[in-house]
Structure formats: C-alpha cells, structure tokens
C-alpha atoms as a PDB file:
ATOM      1  CA  UNK A   1     102.209 119.441  80.886  1.00  0.00           C
ATOM      2  CA  UNK A   2     102.451 117.829  84.322  1.00  0.00           C
ATOM      3  CA  UNK A   3      99.873 115.167  83.415  1.00  0.00           C
ATOM      4  CA  UNK A   4     100.607 111.859  85.152  1.00  0.00           C
ATOM      5  CA  UNK A   5     100.009 108.683  83.191  1.00  0.00           C
ATOM      6  CA  UNK A   6      97.836 106.326  85.277  1.00  0.00           C
ATOM      7  CA  UNK A   7      99.735 103.300  86.538  1.00  0.00           C
ATOM      8  CA  UNK A   8      97.085 100.915  85.235  1.00  0.00           C
ATOM      9  CA  UNK A   9      97.962 101.995  81.675  1.00  0.00           C
ATOM     10  CA  UNK A  10     101.390 100.318  81.775  1.00  0.00           C
ATOM     11  CA  UNK A  11     101.890  96.825  80.384  1.00  0.00           C
ATOM     12  CA  UNK A  12     104.326  95.759  83.104  1.00  0.00           C
ATOM     13  CA  UNK A  13     105.169  96.674  86.674  1.00  0.00           C
ATOM     14  CA  UNK A  14     108.741  97.564  85.710  1.00  0.00           C
ATOM     15  CA  UNK A  15     107.513  99.923  82.990  1.00  0.00           C
ATOM     16  CA  UNK A  16     105.356 101.713  85.554  1.00  0.00           C
ATOM     17  CA  UNK A  17     108.259 101.968  88.010  1.00  0.00           C
ATOM     18  CA  UNK A  18     110.569 103.403  85.330  1.00  0.00           C
ATOM     19  CA  UNK A  19     108.032 105.916  84.030  1.00  0.00           C
ATOM     20  CA  UNK A  20     109.084 109.532  84.342  1.00  0.00           C
ATOM     21  CA  UNK A  21     107.749 112.834  83.098  1.00  0.00           C
ATOM     22  CA  UNK A  22     108.765 116.472  83.029  1.00  0.00           C
ATOM     23  CA  UNK A  23     107.139 118.424  85.846  1.00  0.00           C
ATOM     24  CA  UNK A  24     107.120 122.194  85.368  1.00  0.00           C
ATOM     25  CA  UNK A  25     105.951 124.928  87.713  1.00  0.00           C
ATOM     26  CA  UNK A  26     105.921 128.695  88.109  1.00  0.00           C
ATOM     27  CA  UNK A  27     107.986 130.426  90.796  1.00  0.00           C
ATOM     28  CA  UNK A  28     106.493 132.766  93.376  1.00  0.00           C
ATOM     29  CA  UNK A  29     108.371 135.980  94.290  1.00  0.00           C
ATOM     30  CA  UNK A  30     109.020 134.548  97.757  1.00  0.00           C
ATOM     31  CA  UNK A  31     110.658 131.504  96.180  1.00  0.00           C
ATOM     32  CA  UNK A  32     112.800 133.686  93.910  1.00  0.00           C
ATOM     33  CA  UNK A  33     113.960 135.763  96.885  1.00  0.00           C
ATOM     34  CA  UNK A  34     114.692 132.576  98.814  1.00  0.00           C
ATOM     35  CA  UNK A  35     116.968 131.334  96.024  1.00  0.00           C
ATOM     36  CA  UNK A  36     118.626 134.747  95.735  1.00  0.00           C
ATOM     37  CA  UNK A  37     119.393 134.645  99.442  1.00  0.00           C
ATOM     38  CA  UNK A  38     120.502 131.017  99.676  1.00  0.00           C
ATOM     39  CA  UNK A  39     122.776 131.255  96.646  1.00  0.00           C
ATOM     40  CA  UNK A  40     124.413 134.585  97.588  1.00  0.00           C
ATOM     41  CA  UNK A  41     122.811 136.607  94.820  1.00  0.00           C
ATOM     42  CA  UNK A  42     120.625 139.159  96.572  1.00  0.00           C
ATOM     43  CA  UNK A  43     123.312 141.735  97.379  1.00  0.00           C
ATOM     44  CA  UNK A  44     125.041 141.529  93.998  1.00  0.00           C
ATOM     45  CA  UNK A  45     121.723 141.834  92.179  1.00  0.00           C
ATOM     46  CA  UNK A  46     120.739 144.917  94.167  1.00  0.00           C
ATOM     47  CA  UNK A  47     124.162 146.481  93.605  1.00  0.00           C
ATOM     48  CA  UNK A  48     124.182 145.895  89.840  1.00  0.00           C
ATOM     49  CA  UNK A  49     123.902 148.922  87.523  1.00  0.00           C
ATOM     50  CA  UNK A  50     122.729 146.768  84.607  1.00  0.00           C
ATOM     51  CA  UNK A  51     119.278 147.673  83.329  1.00  0.00           C
ATOM     52  CA  UNK A  52     118.129 144.063  83.100  1.00  0.00           C
ATOM     53  CA  UNK A  53     119.207 143.486  86.700  1.00  0.00           C
ATOM     54  CA  UNK A  54     117.231 146.564  87.724  1.00  0.00           C
ATOM     55  CA  UNK A  55     114.263 145.201  85.799  1.00  0.00           C
ATOM     56  CA  UNK A  56     114.312 141.983  87.815  1.00  0.00           C
ATOM     57  CA  UNK A  57     114.522 143.933  91.066  1.00  0.00           C
ATOM     58  CA  UNK A  58     111.624 146.136  89.950  1.00  0.00           C
ATOM     59  CA  UNK A  59     109.535 143.079  89.082  1.00  0.00           C
ATOM     60  CA  UNK A  60     110.113 141.642  92.557  1.00  0.00           C
ATOM     61  CA  UNK A  61     109.278 144.937  94.240  1.00  0.00           C
ATOM     62  CA  UNK A  62     106.225 145.584  92.045  1.00  0.00           C
ATOM     63  CA  UNK A  63     104.471 142.459  93.260  1.00  0.00           C
ATOM     64  CA  UNK A  64     104.650 140.237  90.180  1.00  0.00           C
ATOM     65  CA  UNK A  65     102.682 137.168  91.215  1.00  0.00           C
ATOM     66  CA  UNK A  66     104.672 134.492  89.364  1.00  0.00           C
ATOM     67  CA  UNK A  67     107.891 134.060  87.404  1.00  0.00           C
ATOM     68  CA  UNK A  68     108.030 131.702  84.436  1.00  0.00           C
ATOM     69  CA  UNK A  69     111.264 129.756  83.904  1.00  0.00           C
ATOM     70  CA  UNK A  70     109.645 126.660  82.390  1.00  0.00           C
ATOM     71  CA  UNK A  71     111.184 124.843  79.417  1.00  0.00           C
ATOM     72  CA  UNK A  72     107.966 124.490  77.452  1.00  0.00           C
ATOM     73  CA  UNK A  73     107.084 125.593  74.964  1.00  0.00           C
ATOM     74  CA  UNK A  74     110.612 125.824  73.513  1.00  0.00           C
ATOM     75  CA  UNK A  75     109.947 129.341  72.179  1.00  0.00           C
ATOM     76  CA  UNK A  76     107.896 130.514  75.163  1.00  0.00           C
ATOM     77  CA  UNK A  77     108.383 133.171  77.816  1.00  0.00           C
ATOM     78  CA  UNK A  78     110.040 130.675  80.146  1.00  0.00           C
ATOM     79  CA  UNK A  79     112.959 130.193  77.762  1.00  0.00           C
ATOM     80  CA  UNK A  80     113.281 133.973  77.360  1.00  0.00           C
ATOM     81  CA  UNK A  81     113.398 134.421  81.130  1.00  0.00           C
ATOM     82  CA  UNK A  82     116.015 131.671  81.395  1.00  0.00           C
ATOM     83  CA  UNK A  83     118.191 133.575  78.921  1.00  0.00           C
ATOM     84  CA  UNK A  84     117.731 136.711  80.995  1.00  0.00           C
ATOM     85  CA  UNK A  85     118.951 135.217  84.256  1.00  0.00           C
ATOM     86  CA  UNK A  86     121.774 133.413  82.460  1.00  0.00           C
ATOM     87  CA  UNK A  87     122.829 136.798  81.111  1.00  0.00           C
ATOM     88  CA  UNK A  88     122.709 138.243  84.621  1.00  0.00           C
ATOM     89  CA  UNK A  89     124.979 135.438  85.786  1.00  0.00           C
ATOM     90  CA  UNK A  90     127.399 136.184  82.939  1.00  0.00           C
ATOM     91  CA  UNK A  91     127.803 139.809  84.142  1.00  0.00           C
ATOM     92  CA  UNK A  92     128.059 138.826  87.800  1.00  0.00           C
ATOM     93  CA  UNK A  93     124.625 140.068  88.874  1.00  0.00           C
ATOM     94  CA  UNK A  94     123.593 136.528  89.863  1.00  0.00           C
ATOM     95  CA  UNK A  95     125.649 133.513  90.835  1.00  0.00           C
ATOM     96  CA  UNK A  96     125.614 130.547  88.435  1.00  0.00           C
ATOM     97  CA  UNK A  97     124.411 128.387  91.339  1.00  0.00           C
ATOM     98  CA  UNK A  98     121.360 130.611  91.788  1.00  0.00           C
ATOM     99  CA  UNK A  99     120.492 130.434  88.098  1.00  0.00           C
ATOM    100  CA  UNK A 100     120.848 126.640  88.052  1.00  0.00           C
ATOM    101  CA  UNK A 101     118.707 126.286  91.192  1.00  0.00           C
ATOM    102  CA  UNK A 102     115.927 128.500  89.825  1.00  0.00           C
ATOM    103  CA  UNK A 103     115.770 126.726  86.459  1.00  0.00           C
ATOM    104  CA  UNK A 104     115.996 123.356  88.198  1.00  0.00           C
ATOM    105  CA  UNK A 105     113.115 124.225  90.512  1.00  0.00           C
ATOM    106  CA  UNK A 106     110.931 125.228  87.563  1.00  0.00           C
ATOM    107  CA  UNK A 107     111.816 122.099  85.565  1.00  0.00           C
ATOM    108  CA  UNK A 108     112.082 118.760  87.328  1.00  0.00           C
ATOM    109  CA  UNK A 109     111.730 115.102  86.402  1.00  0.00           C
ATOM    110  CA  UNK A 110     109.324 113.011  88.454  1.00  0.00           C
ATOM    111  CA  UNK A 111     108.968 109.216  88.748  1.00  0.00           C
ATOM    112  CA  UNK A 112     105.585 108.918  90.483  1.00  0.00           C
ATOM    113  CA  UNK A 113     105.416 105.111  90.453  1.00  0.00           C
ATOM    114  CA  UNK A 114     109.031 104.208  91.311  1.00  0.00           C
ATOM    115  CA  UNK A 115     107.929 102.584  94.595  1.00  0.00           C
ATOM    116  CA  UNK A 116     104.803 100.921  93.212  1.00  0.00           C
ATOM    117  CA  UNK A 117     104.192  97.458  94.671  1.00  0.00           C
ATOM    118  CA  UNK A 118     103.268  94.413  92.646  1.00  0.00           C
ATOM    119  CA  UNK A 119     100.104  94.152  94.722  1.00  0.00           C
ATOM    120  CA  UNK A 120      98.878  97.673  93.897  1.00  0.00           C
ATOM    121  CA  UNK A 121      99.854  97.359  90.238  1.00  0.00           C
ATOM    122  CA  UNK A 122      98.002  94.087  89.745  1.00  0.00           C
ATOM    123  CA  UNK A 123      94.982  95.398  91.672  1.00  0.00           C
ATOM    124  CA  UNK A 124      94.825  98.418  89.365  1.00  0.00           C
ATOM    125  CA  UNK A 125      95.092  96.163  86.324  1.00  0.00           C
ATOM    126  CA  UNK A 126      92.416  93.838  87.738  1.00  0.00           C
ATOM    127  CA  UNK A 127      94.703  90.845  87.326  1.00  0.00           C
ATOM    128  CA  UNK A 128      95.527  90.289  90.991  1.00  0.00           C
ATOM    129  CA  UNK A 129      95.134  86.856  92.564  1.00  0.00           C
ATOM    130  CA  UNK A 130      92.709  86.683  95.462  1.00  0.00           C
ATOM    131  CA  UNK A 131      91.971  84.112  98.133  1.00  0.00           C
ATOM    132  CA  UNK A 132      88.692  83.302  99.833  1.00  0.00           C
ATOM    133  CA  UNK A 133      88.409  84.577 103.424  1.00  0.00           C
ATOM    134  CA  UNK A 134      85.774  84.588 106.135  1.00  0.00           C
ATOM    135  CA  UNK A 135      84.942  86.919 109.001  1.00  0.00           C
ATOM    136  CA  UNK A 136      84.790  85.610 112.573  1.00  0.00           C
ATOM    137  CA  UNK A 137      83.402  87.721 115.416  1.00  0.00           C
ATOM    138  CA  UNK A 138      83.867  90.881 113.365  1.00  0.00           C
ATOM    139  CA  UNK A 139      87.474  90.151 112.381  1.00  0.00           C
ATOM    140  CA  UNK A 140      89.103  88.983 109.157  1.00  0.00           C
ATOM    141  CA  UNK A 141      92.276  86.934 109.683  1.00  0.00           C
ATOM    142  CA  UNK A 142      94.940  86.024 107.150  1.00  0.00           C
ATOM    143  CA  UNK A 143      98.083  83.953 107.633  1.00  0.00           C
ATOM    144  CA  UNK A 144     101.203  84.448 105.512  1.00  0.00           C
ATOM    145  CA  UNK A 145     102.977  81.128 105.116  1.00  0.00           C
ATOM    146  CA  UNK A 146     106.189  82.901 104.053  1.00  0.00           C
ATOM    147  CA  UNK A 147     107.551  86.421 103.790  1.00  0.00           C
ATOM    148  CA  UNK A 148     106.108  88.444 100.910  1.00  0.00           C
ATOM    149  CA  UNK A 149     108.432  90.015  98.357  1.00  0.00           C
ATOM    150  CA  UNK A 150     107.673  93.495  99.698  1.00  0.00           C
ATOM    151  CA  UNK A 151     105.568  95.325 102.234  1.00  0.00           C
ATOM    152  CA  UNK A 152     102.065  95.814 100.876  1.00  0.00           C
ATOM    153  CA  UNK A 153      98.451  96.495 101.824  1.00  0.00           C
ATOM    154  CA  UNK A 154      96.158  93.625 100.784  1.00  0.00           C
ATOM    155  CA  UNK A 155      92.534  94.678 100.505  1.00  0.00           C
ATOM    156  CA  UNK A 156      89.447  92.682 101.429  1.00  0.00           C
ATOM    157  CA  UNK A 157      86.548  92.561  99.003  1.00  0.00           C
ATOM    158  CA  UNK A 158      82.982  91.387  98.814  1.00  0.00           C
ATOM    159  CA  UNK A 159      82.406  89.539  95.549  1.00  0.00           C
ATOM    160  CA  UNK A 160      79.133  90.570  93.931  1.00  0.00           C
ATOM    161  CA  UNK A 161      77.754  88.413  91.115  1.00  0.00           C
ATOM    162  CA  UNK A 162      74.983  89.890  88.986  1.00  0.00           C
ATOM    163  CA  UNK A 163      72.148  88.131  87.171  1.00  0.00           C
ATOM    164  CA  UNK A 164      73.924  88.477  83.826  1.00  0.00           C
ATOM    165  CA  UNK A 165      76.976  86.686  85.245  1.00  0.00           C
ATOM    166  CA  UNK A 166      79.185  89.769  85.519  1.00  0.00           C
ATOM    167  CA  UNK A 167      81.257  90.198  88.688  1.00  0.00           C
ATOM    168  CA  UNK A 168      82.403  93.142  90.764  1.00  0.00           C
ATOM    169  CA  UNK A 169      84.742  93.143  93.770  1.00  0.00           C
ATOM    170  CA  UNK A 170      83.682  95.782  96.291  1.00  0.00           C
ATOM    171  CA  UNK A 171      86.308  96.775  98.850  1.00  0.00           C
ATOM    172  CA  UNK A 172      85.108  96.456 102.448  1.00  0.00           C
ATOM    173  CA  UNK A 173      88.367  96.642 104.476  1.00  0.00           C
ATOM    174  CA  UNK A 174      92.124  96.555 104.104  1.00  0.00           C
ATOM    175  CA  UNK A 175      95.282  95.330 105.811  1.00  0.00           C
ATOM    176  CA  UNK A 176      98.282  97.641 106.167  1.00  0.00           C
ATOM    177  CA  UNK A 177     102.015  96.917 106.221  1.00  0.00           C
ATOM    178  CA  UNK A 178     101.818  93.190 105.504  1.00  0.00           C
ATOM    179  CA  UNK A 179     105.172  91.575 104.696  1.00  0.00           C
ATOM    180  CA  UNK A 180     106.562  89.014 107.145  1.00  0.00           C
ATOM    181  CA  UNK A 181     105.227  85.495 107.633  1.00  0.00           C
ATOM    182  CA  UNK A 182     102.646  85.342 110.395  1.00  0.00           C
ATOM    183  CA  UNK A 183      99.076  86.131 111.354  1.00  0.00           C
ATOM    184  CA  UNK A 184      97.329  89.424 110.551  1.00  0.00           C
ATOM    185  CA  UNK A 185      93.889  90.423 111.750  1.00  0.00           C
ATOM    186  CA  UNK A 186      91.621  93.432 111.153  1.00  0.00           C
ATOM    187  CA  UNK A 187      88.073  94.398 112.004  1.00  0.00           C
ATOM    188  CA  UNK A 188      85.862  93.801 109.020  1.00  0.00           C
ATOM    189  CA  UNK A 189      82.153  93.640 108.109  1.00  0.00           C
ATOM    190  CA  UNK A 190      80.876  90.213 107.179  1.00  0.00           C
ATOM    191  CA  UNK A 191      79.403  89.303 103.782  1.00  0.00           C
ATOM    192  CA  UNK A 192      79.027  86.086 101.812  1.00  0.00           C
ATOM    193  CA  UNK A 193      81.764  85.366  99.267  1.00  0.00           C
ATOM    194  CA  UNK A 194      84.681  87.490 100.516  1.00  0.00           C
ATOM    195  CA  UNK A 195      88.235  87.595  99.164  1.00  0.00           C
ATOM    196  CA  UNK A 196      91.615  89.111 100.028  1.00  0.00           C
ATOM    197  CA  UNK A 197      94.424  90.125  97.670  1.00  0.00           C
ATOM    198  CA  UNK A 198      97.097  87.461  97.308  1.00  0.00           C
ATOM    199  CA  UNK A 199      99.564  88.962  94.807  1.00  0.00           C
ATOM    200  CA  UNK A 200     102.572  87.088  96.212  1.00  0.00           C
ATOM    201  CA  UNK A 201     100.899  83.704  96.690  1.00  0.00           C
ATOM    202  CA  UNK A 202     101.741  83.456 100.389  1.00  0.00           C
ATOM    203  CA  UNK A 203      98.297  83.842 101.969  1.00  0.00           C
ATOM    204  CA  UNK A 204      97.466  80.395 103.278  1.00  0.00           C
END
C-alpha cells in the first residue's frame, strides 16, 4: 500500500508518466470534523437520535486518534466504516457530499511521475547522452544551439575510470531551469574528464 514504483523501473518515459497507484491514508479527528463542517454535516449529526450517529459523535469526543475509511483490504475495517457513514447519509445524519469527501480523502489516485522530464528519466536509467565540458575560472559554461523540448536541469559530472575499465559518473554541480537557446553558466569545481547531460542533443 502506498509504495511508489521507482521511475527507473519503467521501460519508457511515457510509461513512467502514465503510472498511477492507489494512495490510502487514515483520517485524523480534526480532519473528520473539518469535513463535517465544510459539508454541512456537523449540526445534523449532533441532532440525530440514531445510535450509530451517536457512536460516531462519541468516538470523536473520546479522542480516537485515527479513522479508517481505506478501501483495502476489501473486507477490512475501512470498508465497514464506509458502510457506516453511507448508512448515516441514508438517514440524513450526514450529507452525501460529506461522505464522498471523506472516502475520497482516504482513497486517492496518484501519478507521481506525470511531469517527469526526458532528461531525468534517462539519467535515472543511465542511458542519457552527455557532452564533454571544461571549467574556466571556476565556472562551467554550456551553450544551447536550439530550444530544448522542455525545461530541465542538466547535471555536471566528473567521469571516473577505474583500473578494471569500469566507469562511474560522479555529480559535481548542476544547472537549473535550462530550456531556451543561449548561454548558461554556473560555478563548478574543476576536474579532468567532465561531462554535462545532453538529453535533447542541443548542447553545442
């Protein structure tokens, strides 16, 4: 429950952007009271003579720490509590809008990577194109020959080659908000063999 699949695990950028998962959470008493107030249910709940309505009021007054309205597991306490508040709506002790808002708050759908850039995706997958750069007087300068497809944050790396021939790219600095054609410059430490991300092929 609520476990996010890492973006590097997806085969394509579009698959990562379209990924969604059910996000479930408990409700605090303060949140329940907020929904009761916003959706015009507090007064009618307090005025109800129904025993189940009184039970909900008692639970709020007794200091219950959390309310479970989550969908999973299908036969769990969350489903039972959903049936309870739906019953209270059916007898007029809660408004249908309040019930829908409470269940919706406890059970949402999230798309964590919907705004993921090509640059970040390819960097995570370790398939990103990079271009050789140098540092002059403590600054790294890149020039975009054309606009990039989207605003992104190309990172600068030191390439480290080991005796066995294996390679690691160690991040040493990063640009922010790069998109339009032009010159970009950041302060950066100097090392031999340095590279910058070039996911869109416009770093000249």
